[in-house]
Amino acid sequence: MTNEFQQPQPLSPADEKLWATLVHLGGIFFGFVPALIGYLVLRDRGPFVREHTRQALNFQISLAIYAAGLFVLTLITLGIGGLLFIPFGIAALVLMVIAAVAANKGEWYKYPLTIEFIKQ
């Protein structure tokens, strides 16, 4: 008799690094979707990929909240706050690239200024 609910096979360290890197880079093009899918699918496949997908998902959710706040600020200031979207976007891009490089090197990374929605 086979078990219908088998535990997922752990990923090799190289595969964990690859998926962690791709989740961070995917955020540049697709927002929170790669982090969410990565977390749901890969979280039981290894501690390294679990932590990186969790960090990426928390960062993407935080980014969405900060962007909504910046949008409100833009409305309140009659468009002047919109100038902050440029450095905001650049900072987000830089942080995602730094996280991807850290993941690719096999290093742990924690995004700054991130709200911890998804706990360990």
PDB file of N, CA and C in Angstrom:
ATOM      1  N   MET A   1       0.847  -1.170   0.000  1.00  0.00           N
ATOM      2  CA  MET A   1       0.000   0.000   0.000  1.00  0.00           C
ATOM      3  C   MET A   1       0.901   1.243   0.000  1.00  0.00           C
ATOM      4  N   THR A   2       0.622   2.175  -0.874  1.00  0.00           N
ATOM      5  CA  THR A   2       1.434   3.390  -0.947  1.00  0.00           C
ATOM      6  C   THR A   2       0.789   4.507  -0.150  1.00  0.00           C
ATOM      7  N   ASN A   3       1.628   5.378   0.320  1.00  0.00           N
ATOM      8  CA  ASN A   3       1.162   6.533   1.075  1.00  0.00           C
ATOM      9  C   ASN A   3       0.864   7.671   0.093  1.00  0.00           C
ATOM     10  N   GLU A   4      -0.380   8.140   0.086  1.00  0.00           N
ATOM     11  CA  GLU A   4      -0.767   9.197  -0.850  1.00  0.00           C
ATOM     12  C   GLU A   4      -0.153  10.539  -0.489  1.00  0.00           C
ATOM     13  N   PHE A   5       0.220  10.723   0.764  1.00  0.00           N
ATOM     14  CA  PHE A   5       0.747  12.004   1.223  1.00  0.00           C
ATOM     15  C   PHE A   5       2.206  11.851   1.627  1.00  0.00           C
ATOM     16  N   GLN A   6       3.040  11.567   0.659  1.00  0.00           N
ATOM     17  CA  GLN A   6       4.458  11.400   0.928  1.00  0.00           C
ATOM     18  C   GLN A   6       5.104  12.763   1.140  1.00  0.00           C
ATOM     19  N   GLN A   7       6.118  12.761   1.985  1.00  0.00           N
ATOM     20  CA  GLN A   7       6.875  13.988   2.215  1.00  0.00           C
ATOM     21  C   GLN A   7       7.631  14.342   0.943  1.00  0.00           C
ATOM     22  N   PRO A   8       7.702  15.629   0.591  1.00  0.00           N
ATOM     23  CA  PRO A   8       8.469  16.006  -0.597  1.00  0.00           C
ATOM     24  C   PRO A   8       9.960  15.723  -0.394  1.00  0.00           C
ATOM     25  N   GLN A   9      10.596  15.363  -1.467  1.00  0.00           N
ATOM     26  CA  GLN A   9      12.026  15.079  -1.407  1.00  0.00           C
ATOM     27  C   GLN A   9      12.788  16.378  -1.174  1.00  0.00           C
ATOM     28  N   PRO A  10      13.779  16.363  -0.293  1.00  0.00           N
ATOM     29  CA  PRO A  10      14.584  17.571  -0.105  1.00  0.00           C
ATOM     30  C   PRO A  10      15.375  17.903  -1.361  1.00  0.00           C
ATOM     31  N   LEU A  11      15.586  19.172  -1.560  1.00  0.00           N
ATOM     32  CA  LEU A  11      16.384  19.625  -2.702  1.00  0.00           C
ATOM     33  C   LEU A  11      17.860  19.519  -2.352  1.00  0.00           C
ATOM     34  N   SER A  12      18.678  19.385  -3.371  1.00  0.00           N
ATOM     35  CA  SER A  12      20.126  19.435  -3.152  1.00  0.00           C
ATOM     36  C   SER A  12      20.495  20.880  -2.803  1.00  0.00           C
ATOM     37  N   PRO A  13      21.631  21.102  -2.150  1.00  0.00           N
ATOM     38  CA  PRO A  13      22.036  22.477  -1.837  1.00  0.00           C
ATOM     39  C   PRO A  13      22.119  23.372  -3.079  1.00  0.00           C
ATOM     40  N   ALA A  14      22.571  22.813  -4.192  1.00  0.00           N
ATOM     41  CA  ALA A  14      22.651  23.603  -5.428  1.00  0.00           C
ATOM     42  C   ALA A  14      21.260  23.989  -5.921  1.00  0.00           C
ATOM     43  N   ASP A  15      20.313  23.071  -5.831  1.00  0.00           N
ATOM     44  CA  ASP A  15      18.941  23.376  -6.251  1.00  0.00           C
ATOM     45  C   ASP A  15      18.287  24.380  -5.307  1.00  0.00           C
ATOM     46  N   GLU A  16      18.571  24.260  -4.011  1.00  0.00           N
ATOM     47  CA  GLU A  16      18.025  25.240  -3.071  1.00  0.00           C
ATOM     48  C   GLU A  16      18.528  26.633  -3.412  1.00  0.00           C
ATOM     49  N   LYS A  17      19.825  26.748  -3.701  1.00  0.00           N
ATOM     50  CA  LYS A  17      20.391  28.057  -4.069  1.00  0.00           C
ATOM     51  C   LYS A  17      19.763  28.580  -5.351  1.00  0.00           C
ATOM     52  N   LEU A  18      19.592  27.704  -6.331  1.00  0.00           N
ATOM     53  CA  LEU A  18      19.002  28.108  -7.612  1.00  0.00           C
ATOM     54  C   LEU A  18      17.586  28.640  -7.421  1.00  0.00           C
ATOM     55  N   TRP A  19      16.739  27.882  -6.719  1.00  0.00           N
ATOM     56  CA  TRP A  19      15.350  28.308  -6.539  1.00  0.00           C
ATOM     57  C   TRP A  19      15.250  29.568  -5.694  1.00  0.00           C
ATOM     58  N   ALA A  20      16.092  29.676  -4.677  1.00  0.00           N
ATOM     59  CA  ALA A  20      16.088  30.882  -3.854  1.00  0.00           C
ATOM     60  C   ALA A  20      16.467  32.102  -4.700  1.00  0.00           C
ATOM     61  N   THR A  21      17.460  31.936  -5.548  1.00  0.00           N
ATOM     62  CA  THR A  21      17.879  33.029  -6.432  1.00  0.00           C
ATOM     63  C   THR A  21      16.760  33.412  -7.388  1.00  0.00           C
ATOM     64  N   LEU A  22      16.132  32.426  -7.981  1.00  0.00           N
ATOM     65  CA  LEU A  22      15.059  32.700  -8.946  1.00  0.00           C
ATOM     66  C   LEU A  22      13.855  33.378  -8.309  1.00  0.00           C
ATOM     67  N   VAL A  23      13.547  33.022  -7.069  1.00  0.00           N
ATOM     68  CA  VAL A  23      12.417  33.652  -6.377  1.00  0.00           C
ATOM     69  C   VAL A  23      12.691  35.140  -6.164  1.00  0.00           C
ATOM     70  N   HIS A  24      13.917  35.470  -5.763  1.00  0.00           N
ATOM     71  CA  HIS A  24      14.257  36.883  -5.562  1.00  0.00           C
ATOM     72  C   HIS A  24      14.228  37.646  -6.884  1.00  0.00           C
ATOM     73  N   LEU A  25      14.809  37.071  -7.922  1.00  0.00           N
ATOM     74  CA  LEU A  25      14.827  37.746  -9.228  1.00  0.00           C
ATOM     75  C   LEU A  25      13.431  37.817  -9.839  1.00  0.00           C
ATOM     76  N   GLY A  26      12.615  36.819  -9.589  1.00  0.00           N
ATOM     77  CA  GLY A  26      11.250  36.825 -10.115  1.00  0.00           C
ATOM     78  C   GLY A  26      10.438  37.990  -9.592  1.00  0.00           C
ATOM     79  N   GLY A  27      10.757  38.449  -8.386  1.00  0.00           N
ATOM     80  CA  GLY A  27      10.065  39.599  -7.819  1.00  0.00           C
ATOM     81  C   GLY A  27      10.264  40.867  -8.629  1.00  0.00           C
ATOM     82  N   ILE A  28      11.379  40.964  -9.331  1.00  0.00           N
ATOM     83  CA  ILE A  28      11.648  42.142 -10.161  1.00  0.00           C
ATOM     84  C   ILE A  28      10.629  42.232 -11.292  1.00  0.00           C
ATOM     85  N   PHE A  29      10.280  41.104 -11.867  1.00  0.00           N
ATOM     86  CA  PHE A  29       9.405  41.101 -13.036  1.00  0.00           C
ATOM     87  C   PHE A  29       7.938  40.818 -12.713  1.00  0.00           C
ATOM     88  N   PHE A  30       7.690  40.020 -11.662  1.00  0.00           N
ATOM     89  CA  PHE A  30       6.326  39.558 -11.406  1.00  0.00           C
ATOM     90  C   PHE A  30       5.809  39.870 -10.011  1.00  0.00           C
ATOM     91  N   GLY A  31       6.494  40.739  -9.272  1.00  0.00           N
ATOM     92  CA  GLY A  31       6.018  41.131  -7.948  1.00  0.00           C
ATOM     93  C   GLY A  31       6.029  39.990  -6.951  1.00  0.00           C
ATOM     94  N   PHE A  32       4.956  39.850  -6.220  1.00  0.00           N
ATOM     95  CA  PHE A  32       4.896  38.868  -5.134  1.00  0.00           C
ATOM     96  C   PHE A  32       4.608  37.446  -5.605  1.00  0.00           C
ATOM     97  N   VAL A  33       4.197  37.261  -6.856  1.00  0.00           N
ATOM     98  CA  VAL A  33       3.750  35.943  -7.332  1.00  0.00           C
ATOM     99  C   VAL A  33       4.846  34.868  -7.223  1.00  0.00           C
ATOM    100  N   PRO A  34       6.082  35.109  -7.697  1.00  0.00           N
ATOM    101  CA  PRO A  34       7.099  34.057  -7.551  1.00  0.00           C
ATOM    102  C   PRO A  34       7.402  33.715  -6.097  1.00  0.00           C
ATOM    103  N   ALA A  35       7.401  34.728  -5.229  1.00  0.00           N
ATOM    104  CA  ALA A  35       7.674  34.476  -3.820  1.00  0.00           C
ATOM    105  C   ALA A  35       6.557  33.647  -3.193  1.00  0.00           C
ATOM    106  N   LEU A  36       5.317  33.958  -3.534  1.00  0.00           N
ATOM    107  CA  LEU A  36       4.185  33.214  -2.993  1.00  0.00           C
ATOM    108  C   LEU A  36       4.197  31.768  -3.483  1.00  0.00           C
ATOM    109  N   ILE A  37       4.348  31.583  -4.778  1.00  0.00           N
ATOM    110  CA  ILE A  37       4.382  30.228  -5.336  1.00  0.00           C
ATOM    111  C   ILE A  37       5.582  29.467  -4.787  1.00  0.00           C
ATOM    112  N   GLY A  38       6.735  30.135  -4.764  1.00  0.00           N
ATOM    113  CA  GLY A  38       7.940  29.498  -4.227  1.00  0.00           C
ATOM    114  C   GLY A  38       7.766  29.068  -2.791  1.00  0.00           C
ATOM    115  N   TYR A  39       7.166  29.931  -1.981  1.00  0.00           N
ATOM    116  CA  TYR A  39       6.973  29.590  -0.572  1.00  0.00           C
ATOM    117  C   TYR A  39       6.012  28.416  -0.432  1.00  0.00           C
ATOM    118  N   LEU A  40       4.916  28.447  -1.150  1.00  0.00           N
ATOM    119  CA  LEU A  40       3.924  27.371  -1.032  1.00  0.00           C
ATOM    120  C   LEU A  40       4.448  26.034  -1.546  1.00  0.00           C
ATOM    121  N   VAL A  41       5.223  26.065  -2.608  1.00  0.00           N
ATOM    122  CA  VAL A  41       5.683  24.824  -3.238  1.00  0.00           C
ATOM    123  C   VAL A  41       6.995  24.311  -2.632  1.00  0.00           C
ATOM    124  N   LEU A  42       7.898  25.221  -2.266  1.00  0.00           N
ATOM    125  CA  LEU A  42       9.250  24.815  -1.897  1.00  0.00           C
ATOM    126  C   LEU A  42       9.558  24.850  -0.404  1.00  0.00           C
ATOM    127  N   ARG A  43       8.664  25.336   0.414  1.00  0.00           N
ATOM    128  CA  ARG A  43       8.992  25.545   1.828  1.00  0.00           C
ATOM    129  C   ARG A  43       9.350  24.264   2.570  1.00  0.00           C
ATOM    130  N   ASP A  44       8.872  23.136   2.116  1.00  0.00           N
ATOM    131  CA  ASP A  44       9.180  21.869   2.768  1.00  0.00           C
ATOM    132  C   ASP A  44      10.327  21.118   2.099  1.00  0.00           C
ATOM    133  N   ARG A  45      11.000  21.780   1.179  1.00  0.00           N
ATOM    134  CA  ARG A  45      12.058  21.105   0.419  1.00  0.00           C
ATOM    135  C   ARG A  45      13.460  21.374   0.955  1.00  0.00           C
ATOM    136  N   GLY A  46      13.579  22.269   1.943  1.00  0.00           N
ATOM    137  CA  GLY A  46      14.881  22.545   2.552  1.00  0.00           C
ATOM    138  C   GLY A  46      14.858  23.840   3.328  1.00  0.00           C
ATOM    139  N   PRO A  47      15.680  23.941   4.362  1.00  0.00           N
ATOM    140  CA  PRO A  47      15.668  25.139   5.205  1.00  0.00           C
ATOM    141  C   PRO A  47      16.150  26.396   4.500  1.00  0.00           C
ATOM    142  N   PHE A  48      17.111  26.264   3.605  1.00  0.00           N
ATOM    143  CA  PHE A  48      17.645  27.430   2.909  1.00  0.00           C
ATOM    144  C   PHE A  48      16.602  28.040   1.983  1.00  0.00           C
ATOM    145  N   VAL A  49      15.973  27.219   1.160  1.00  0.00           N
ATOM    146  CA  VAL A  49      14.969  27.727   0.232  1.00  0.00           C
ATOM    147  C   VAL A  49      13.728  28.201   0.994  1.00  0.00           C
ATOM    148  N   ARG A  50      13.394  27.569   2.097  1.00  0.00           N
ATOM    149  CA  ARG A  50      12.253  28.006   2.911  1.00  0.00           C
ATOM    150  C   ARG A  50      12.482  29.433   3.419  1.00  0.00           C
ATOM    151  N   GLU A  51      13.659  29.666   3.979  1.00  0.00           N
ATOM    152  CA  GLU A  51      13.940  30.985   4.538  1.00  0.00           C
ATOM    153  C   GLU A  51      13.999  32.062   3.451  1.00  0.00           C
ATOM    154  N   HIS A  52      14.612  31.756   2.330  1.00  0.00           N
ATOM    155  CA  HIS A  52      14.695  32.752   1.252  1.00  0.00           C
ATOM    156  C   HIS A  52      13.322  33.049   0.646  1.00  0.00           C
ATOM    157  N   THR A  53      12.503  32.037   0.454  1.00  0.00           N
ATOM    158  CA  THR A  53      11.168  32.310  -0.091  1.00  0.00           C
ATOM    159  C   THR A  53      10.316  33.065   0.925  1.00  0.00           C
ATOM    160  N   ARG A  54      10.491  32.765   2.206  1.00  0.00           N
ATOM    161  CA  ARG A  54       9.759  33.486   3.255  1.00  0.00           C
ATOM    162  C   ARG A  54      10.188  34.952   3.289  1.00  0.00           C
ATOM    163  N   GLN A  55      11.492  35.184   3.226  1.00  0.00           N
ATOM    164  CA  GLN A  55      11.995  36.555   3.227  1.00  0.00           C
ATOM    165  C   GLN A  55      11.496  37.319   1.996  1.00  0.00           C
ATOM    166  N   ALA A  56      11.534  36.664   0.843  1.00  0.00           N
ATOM    167  CA  ALA A  56      11.089  37.319  -0.387  1.00  0.00           C
ATOM    168  C   ALA A  56       9.598  37.652  -0.324  1.00  0.00           C
ATOM    169  N   LEU A  57       8.801  36.736   0.196  1.00  0.00           N
ATOM    170  CA  LEU A  57       7.363  36.977   0.291  1.00  0.00           C
ATOM    171  C   LEU A  57       7.062  38.115   1.265  1.00  0.00           C
ATOM    172  N   ASN A  58       7.714  38.117   2.418  1.00  0.00           N
ATOM    173  CA  ASN A  58       7.527  39.211   3.364  1.00  0.00           C
ATOM    174  C   ASN A  58       7.938  40.545   2.747  1.00  0.00           C
ATOM    175  N   PHE A  59       9.031  40.552   2.006  1.00  0.00           N
ATOM    176  CA  PHE A  59       9.495  41.782   1.361  1.00  0.00           C
ATOM    177  C   PHE A  59       8.493  42.272   0.316  1.00  0.00           C
ATOM    178  N   GLN A  60       7.981  41.364  -0.496  1.00  0.00           N
ATOM    179  CA  GLN A  60       7.033  41.763  -1.550  1.00  0.00           C
ATOM    180  C   GLN A  60       5.732  42.293  -0.961  1.00  0.00           C
ATOM    181  N   ILE A  61       5.257  41.678   0.118  1.00  0.00           N
ATOM    182  CA  ILE A  61       4.045  42.174   0.772  1.00  0.00           C
ATOM    183  C   ILE A  61       4.314  43.554   1.368  1.00  0.00           C
ATOM    184  N   SER A  62       5.469  43.710   2.011  1.00  0.00           N
ATOM    185  CA  SER A  62       5.837  45.007   2.581  1.00  0.00           C
ATOM    186  C   SER A  62       5.942  46.065   1.494  1.00  0.00           C
ATOM    187  N   LEU A  63       6.542  45.708   0.362  1.00  0.00           N
ATOM    188  CA  LEU A  63       6.651  46.650  -0.764  1.00  0.00           C
ATOM    189  C   LEU A  63       5.273  47.127  -1.217  1.00  0.00           C
ATOM    190  N   ALA A  64       4.336  46.214  -1.313  1.00  0.00           N
ATOM    191  CA  ALA A  64       2.985  46.582  -1.749  1.00  0.00           C
ATOM    192  C   ALA A  64       2.346  47.561  -0.758  1.00  0.00           C
ATOM    193  N   ILE A  65       2.552  47.329   0.522  1.00  0.00           N
ATOM    194  CA  ILE A  65       1.999  48.232   1.533  1.00  0.00           C
ATOM    195  C   ILE A  65       2.672  49.597   1.456  1.00  0.00           C
ATOM    196  N   TYR A  66       4.004  49.601   1.332  1.00  0.00           N
ATOM    197  CA  TYR A  66       4.718  50.876   1.233  1.00  0.00           C
ATOM    198  C   TYR A  66       4.316  51.636  -0.031  1.00  0.00           C
ATOM    199  N   ALA A  67       4.128  50.924  -1.129  1.00  0.00           N
ATOM    200  CA  ALA A  67       3.713  51.577  -2.379  1.00  0.00           C
ATOM    201  C   ALA A  67       2.314  52.163  -2.246  1.00  0.00           C
ATOM    202  N   ALA A  68       1.426  51.460  -1.562  1.00  0.00           N
ATOM    203  CA  ALA A  68       0.077  51.998  -1.339  1.00  0.00           C
ATOM    204  C   ALA A  68       0.145  53.263  -0.486  1.00  0.00           C
ATOM    205  N   GLY A  69       0.994  53.255   0.527  1.00  0.00           N
ATOM    206  CA  GLY A  69       1.175  54.443   1.348  1.00  0.00           C
ATOM    207  C   GLY A  69       1.762  55.589   0.557  1.00  0.00           C
ATOM    208  N   LEU A  70       2.686  55.284  -0.319  1.00  0.00           N
ATOM    209  CA  LEU A  70       3.284  56.306  -1.177  1.00  0.00           C
ATOM    210  C   LEU A  70       2.261  56.862  -2.156  1.00  0.00           C
ATOM    211  N   PHE A  71       1.372  56.014  -2.629  1.00  0.00           N
ATOM    212  CA  PHE A  71       0.299  56.465  -3.513  1.00  0.00           C
ATOM    213  C   PHE A  71      -0.628  57.437  -2.783  1.00  0.00           C
ATOM    214  N   VAL A  72      -0.978  57.110  -1.547  1.00  0.00           N
ATOM    215  CA  VAL A  72      -1.822  58.006  -0.748  1.00  0.00           C
ATOM    216  C   VAL A  72      -1.103  59.333  -0.522  1.00  0.00           C
ATOM    217  N   LEU A  73       0.192  59.256  -0.209  1.00  0.00           N
ATOM    218  CA  LEU A  73       0.977  60.478  -0.032  1.00  0.00           C
ATOM    219  C   LEU A  73       0.982  61.319  -1.305  1.00  0.00           C
ATOM    220  N   THR A  74       1.069  60.657  -2.445  1.00  0.00           N
ATOM    221  CA  THR A  74       1.038  61.362  -3.732  1.00  0.00           C
ATOM    222  C   THR A  74      -0.299  62.072  -3.930  1.00  0.00           C
ATOM    223  N   LEU A  75      -1.388  61.409  -3.567  1.00  0.00           N
ATOM    224  CA  LEU A  75      -2.700  62.048  -3.675  1.00  0.00           C
ATOM    225  C   LEU A  75      -2.822  63.242  -2.737  1.00  0.00           C
ATOM    226  N   ILE A  76      -2.344  63.085  -1.520  1.00  0.00           N
ATOM    227  CA  ILE A  76      -2.452  64.153  -0.525  1.00  0.00           C
ATOM    228  C   ILE A  76      -1.621  65.369  -0.931  1.00  0.00           C
ATOM    229  N   THR A  77      -0.439  65.115  -1.480  1.00  0.00           N
ATOM    230  CA  THR A  77       0.454  66.224  -1.849  1.00  0.00           C
ATOM    231  C   THR A  77       0.238  66.682  -3.285  1.00  0.00           C
ATOM    232  N   LEU A  78      -0.859  66.274  -3.887  1.00  0.00           N
ATOM    233  CA  LEU A  78      -1.202  66.661  -5.262  1.00  0.00           C
ATOM    234  C   LEU A  78      -0.088  66.332  -6.259  1.00  0.00           C
ATOM    235  N   GLY A  79       0.487  65.154  -6.105  1.00  0.00           N
ATOM    236  CA  GLY A  79       1.455  64.653  -7.075  1.00  0.00           C
ATOM    237  C   GLY A  79       2.904  64.791  -6.679  1.00  0.00           C
ATOM    238  N   ILE A  80       3.213  65.646  -5.737  1.00  0.00           N
ATOM    239  CA  ILE A  80       4.613  65.861  -5.362  1.00  0.00           C
ATOM    240  C   ILE A  80       5.216  64.592  -4.764  1.00  0.00           C
ATOM    241  N   GLY A  81       4.448  63.865  -3.978  1.00  0.00           N
ATOM    242  CA  GLY A  81       4.933  62.619  -3.383  1.00  0.00           C
ATOM    243  C   GLY A  81       5.278  61.570  -4.415  1.00  0.00           C
ATOM    244  N   GLY A  82       4.757  61.709  -5.618  1.00  0.00           N
ATOM    245  CA  GLY A  82       5.044  60.757  -6.681  1.00  0.00           C
ATOM    246  C   GLY A  82       6.510  60.717  -7.068  1.00  0.00           C
ATOM    247  N   LEU A  83       7.226  61.780  -6.767  1.00  0.00           N
ATOM    248  CA  LEU A  83       8.664  61.802  -7.058  1.00  0.00           C
ATOM    249  C   LEU A  83       9.419  60.758  -6.238  1.00  0.00           C
ATOM    250  N   LEU A  84       8.830  60.345  -5.144  1.00  0.00           N
ATOM    251  CA  LEU A  84       9.474  59.343  -4.303  1.00  0.00           C
ATOM    252  C   LEU A  84       9.378  57.931  -4.883  1.00  0.00           C
ATOM    253  N   PHE A  85       8.517  57.739  -5.883  1.00  0.00           N
ATOM    254  CA  PHE A  85       8.406  56.412  -6.490  1.00  0.00           C
ATOM    255  C   PHE A  85       9.702  56.000  -7.190  1.00  0.00           C
ATOM    256  N   ILE A  86      10.439  56.958  -7.717  1.00  0.00           N
ATOM    257  CA  ILE A  86      11.684  56.626  -8.425  1.00  0.00           C
ATOM    258  C   ILE A  86      12.725  56.050  -7.466  1.00  0.00           C
ATOM    259  N   PRO A  87      13.090  56.764  -6.369  1.00  0.00           N
ATOM    260  CA  PRO A  87      14.060  56.141  -5.454  1.00  0.00           C
ATOM    261  C   PRO A  87      13.509  54.890  -4.768  1.00  0.00           C
ATOM    262  N   PHE A  88      12.212  54.847  -4.547  1.00  0.00           N
ATOM    263  CA  PHE A  88      11.578  53.664  -3.958  1.00  0.00           C
ATOM    264  C   PHE A  88      11.783  52.451  -4.867  1.00  0.00           C
ATOM    265  N   GLY A  89      11.518  52.624  -6.147  1.00  0.00           N
ATOM    266  CA  GLY A  89      11.683  51.532  -7.109  1.00  0.00           C
ATOM    267  C   GLY A  89      13.128  51.104  -7.264  1.00  0.00           C
ATOM    268  N   ILE A  90      14.032  52.080  -7.282  1.00  0.00           N
ATOM    269  CA  ILE A  90      15.463  51.758  -7.400  1.00  0.00           C
ATOM    270  C   ILE A  90      15.932  50.983  -6.174  1.00  0.00           C
ATOM    271  N   ALA A  91      15.519  51.438  -4.988  1.00  0.00           N
ATOM    272  CA  ALA A  91      15.920  50.751  -3.754  1.00  0.00           C
ATOM    273  C   ALA A  91      15.383  49.323  -3.737  1.00  0.00           C
ATOM    274  N   ALA A  92      14.134  49.130  -4.139  1.00  0.00           N
ATOM    275  CA  ALA A  92      13.545  47.789  -4.172  1.00  0.00           C
ATOM    276  C   ALA A  92      14.316  46.894  -5.140  1.00  0.00           C
ATOM    277  N   LEU A  93      14.633  47.424  -6.310  1.00  0.00           N
ATOM    278  CA  LEU A  93      15.387  46.664  -7.307  1.00  0.00           C
ATOM    279  C   LEU A  93      16.757  46.262  -6.771  1.00  0.00           C
ATOM    280  N   VAL A  94      17.464  47.204  -6.175  1.00  0.00           N
ATOM    281  CA  VAL A  94      18.792  46.931  -5.636  1.00  0.00           C
ATOM    282  C   VAL A  94      18.719  45.862  -4.540  1.00  0.00           C
ATOM    283  N   LEU A  95      17.737  45.973  -3.659  1.00  0.00           N
ATOM    284  CA  LEU A  95      17.619  44.992  -2.577  1.00  0.00           C
ATOM    285  C   LEU A  95      17.305  43.597  -3.108  1.00  0.00           C
ATOM    286  N   MET A  96      16.481  43.505  -4.145  1.00  0.00           N
ATOM    287  CA  MET A  96      16.176  42.185  -4.711  1.00  0.00           C
ATOM    288  C   MET A  96      17.403  41.582  -5.382  1.00  0.00           C
ATOM    289  N   VAL A  97      18.213  42.408  -6.038  1.00  0.00           N
ATOM    290  CA  VAL A  97      19.437  41.898  -6.664  1.00  0.00           C
ATOM    291  C   VAL A  97      20.434  41.456  -5.594  1.00  0.00           C
ATOM    292  N   ILE A  98      20.569  42.240  -4.528  1.00  0.00           N
ATOM    293  CA  ILE A  98      21.466  41.859  -3.432  1.00  0.00           C
ATOM    294  C   ILE A  98      21.021  40.522  -2.825  1.00  0.00           C
ATOM    295  N   ALA A  99      19.716  40.359  -2.626  1.00  0.00           N
ATOM    296  CA  ALA A  99      19.195  39.110  -2.068  1.00  0.00           C
ATOM    297  C   ALA A  99      19.466  37.936  -3.009  1.00  0.00           C
ATOM    298  N   ALA A 100      19.292  38.153  -4.303  1.00  0.00           N
ATOM    299  CA  ALA A 100      19.537  37.085  -5.279  1.00  0.00           C
ATOM    300  C   ALA A 100      21.010  36.689  -5.298  1.00  0.00           C
ATOM    301  N   VAL A 101      21.892  37.658  -5.232  1.00  0.00           N
ATOM    302  CA  VAL A 101      23.330  37.364  -5.210  1.00  0.00           C
ATOM    303  C   VAL A 101      23.690  36.597  -3.945  1.00  0.00           C
ATOM    304  N   ALA A 102      23.128  37.024  -2.807  1.00  0.00           N
ATOM    305  CA  ALA A 102      23.393  36.314  -1.548  1.00  0.00           C
ATOM    306  C   ALA A 102      22.888  34.871  -1.641  1.00  0.00           C
ATOM    307  N   ALA A 103      21.700  34.676  -2.177  1.00  0.00           N
ATOM    308  CA  ALA A 103      21.143  33.323  -2.314  1.00  0.00           C
ATOM    309  C   ALA A 103      22.016  32.477  -3.236  1.00  0.00           C
ATOM    310  N   ASN A 104      22.477  33.062  -4.311  1.00  0.00           N
ATOM    311  CA  ASN A 104      23.307  32.337  -5.261  1.00  0.00           C
ATOM    312  C   ASN A 104      24.646  31.930  -4.647  1.00  0.00           C
ATOM    313  N   LYS A 105      25.132  32.716  -3.696  1.00  0.00           N
ATOM    314  CA  LYS A 105      26.382  32.386  -3.000  1.00  0.00           C
ATOM    315  C   LYS A 105      26.154  31.397  -1.862  1.00  0.00           C
ATOM    316  N   GLY A 106      24.885  31.101  -1.568  1.00  0.00           N
ATOM    317  CA  GLY A 106      24.577  30.202  -0.470  1.00  0.00           C
ATOM    318  C   GLY A 106      24.535  30.903   0.874  1.00  0.00           C
ATOM    319  N   GLU A 107      24.379  32.221   0.856  1.00  0.00           N
ATOM    320  CA  GLU A 107      24.347  33.007   2.088  1.00  0.00           C
ATOM    321  C   GLU A 107      22.909  33.296   2.487  1.00  0.00           C
ATOM    322  N   TRP A 108      22.695  33.442   3.779  1.00  0.00           N
ATOM    323  CA  TRP A 108      21.381  33.829   4.301  1.00  0.00           C
ATOM    324  C   TRP A 108      21.238  35.326   4.119  1.00  0.00           C
ATOM    325  N   TYR A 109      20.009  35.802   3.877  1.00  0.00           N
ATOM    326  CA  TYR A 109      19.784  37.232   3.669  1.00  0.00           C
ATOM    327  C   TYR A 109      18.458  37.638   4.300  1.00  0.00           C
ATOM    328  N   LYS A 110      18.477  38.805   4.926  1.00  0.00           N
ATOM    329  CA  LYS A 110      17.259  39.364   5.505  1.00  0.00           C
ATOM    330  C   LYS A 110      17.094  40.766   4.935  1.00  0.00           C
ATOM    331  N   TYR A 111      15.973  40.991   4.265  1.00  0.00           N
ATOM    332  CA  TYR A 111      15.694  42.308   3.707  1.00  0.00           C
ATOM    333  C   TYR A 111      15.518  43.325   4.835  1.00  0.00           C
ATOM    334  N   PRO A 112      16.052  44.537   4.675  1.00  0.00           N
ATOM    335  CA  PRO A 112      15.813  45.576   5.691  1.00  0.00           C
ATOM    336  C   PRO A 112      14.399  46.138   5.558  1.00  0.00           C
ATOM    337  N   LEU A 113      13.893  46.689   6.649  1.00  0.00           N
ATOM    338  CA  LEU A 113      12.595  47.377   6.679  1.00  0.00           C
ATOM    339  C   LEU A 113      11.430  46.498   6.204  1.00  0.00           C
ATOM    340  N   THR A 114      11.522  45.213   6.481  1.00  0.00           N
ATOM    341  CA  THR A 114      10.486  44.282   6.051  1.00  0.00           C
ATOM    342  C   THR A 114       9.620  43.883   7.235  1.00  0.00           C
ATOM    343  N   ILE A 115       8.322  43.905   7.030  1.00  0.00           N
ATOM    344  CA  ILE A 115       7.371  43.482   8.054  1.00  0.00           C
ATOM    345  C   ILE A 115       7.290  41.952   7.992  1.00  0.00           C
ATOM    346  N   GLU A 116       7.384  41.306   9.143  1.00  0.00           N
ATOM    347  CA  GLU A 116       7.378  39.837   9.203  1.00  0.00           C
ATOM    348  C   GLU A 116       5.936  39.316   9.253  1.00  0.00           C
ATOM    349  N   PHE A 117       5.301  39.186   8.107  1.00  0.00           N
ATOM    350  CA  PHE A 117       3.955  38.631   8.046  1.00  0.00           C
ATOM    351  C   PHE A 117       3.996  37.112   8.170  1.00  0.00           C
ATOM    352  N   ILE A 118       4.928  36.500   7.473  1.00  0.00           N
ATOM    353  CA  ILE A 118       5.094  35.048   7.474  1.00  0.00           C
ATOM    354  C   ILE A 118       6.206  34.727   8.479  1.00  0.00           C
ATOM    355  N   LYS A 119       5.836  34.065   9.551  1.00  0.00           N
ATOM    356  CA  LYS A 119       6.825  33.700  10.576  1.00  0.00           C
ATOM    357  C   LYS A 119       7.405  32.346  10.241  1.00  0.00           C
ATOM    358  N   GLN A 120       8.462  32.015  10.927  1.00  0.00           N
ATOM    359  CA  GLN A 120       9.100  30.714  10.708  1.00  0.00           C
ATOM    360  C   GLN A 120       8.187  29.676  11.212  1.00  0.00           C
TER     361      GLN A 120
END
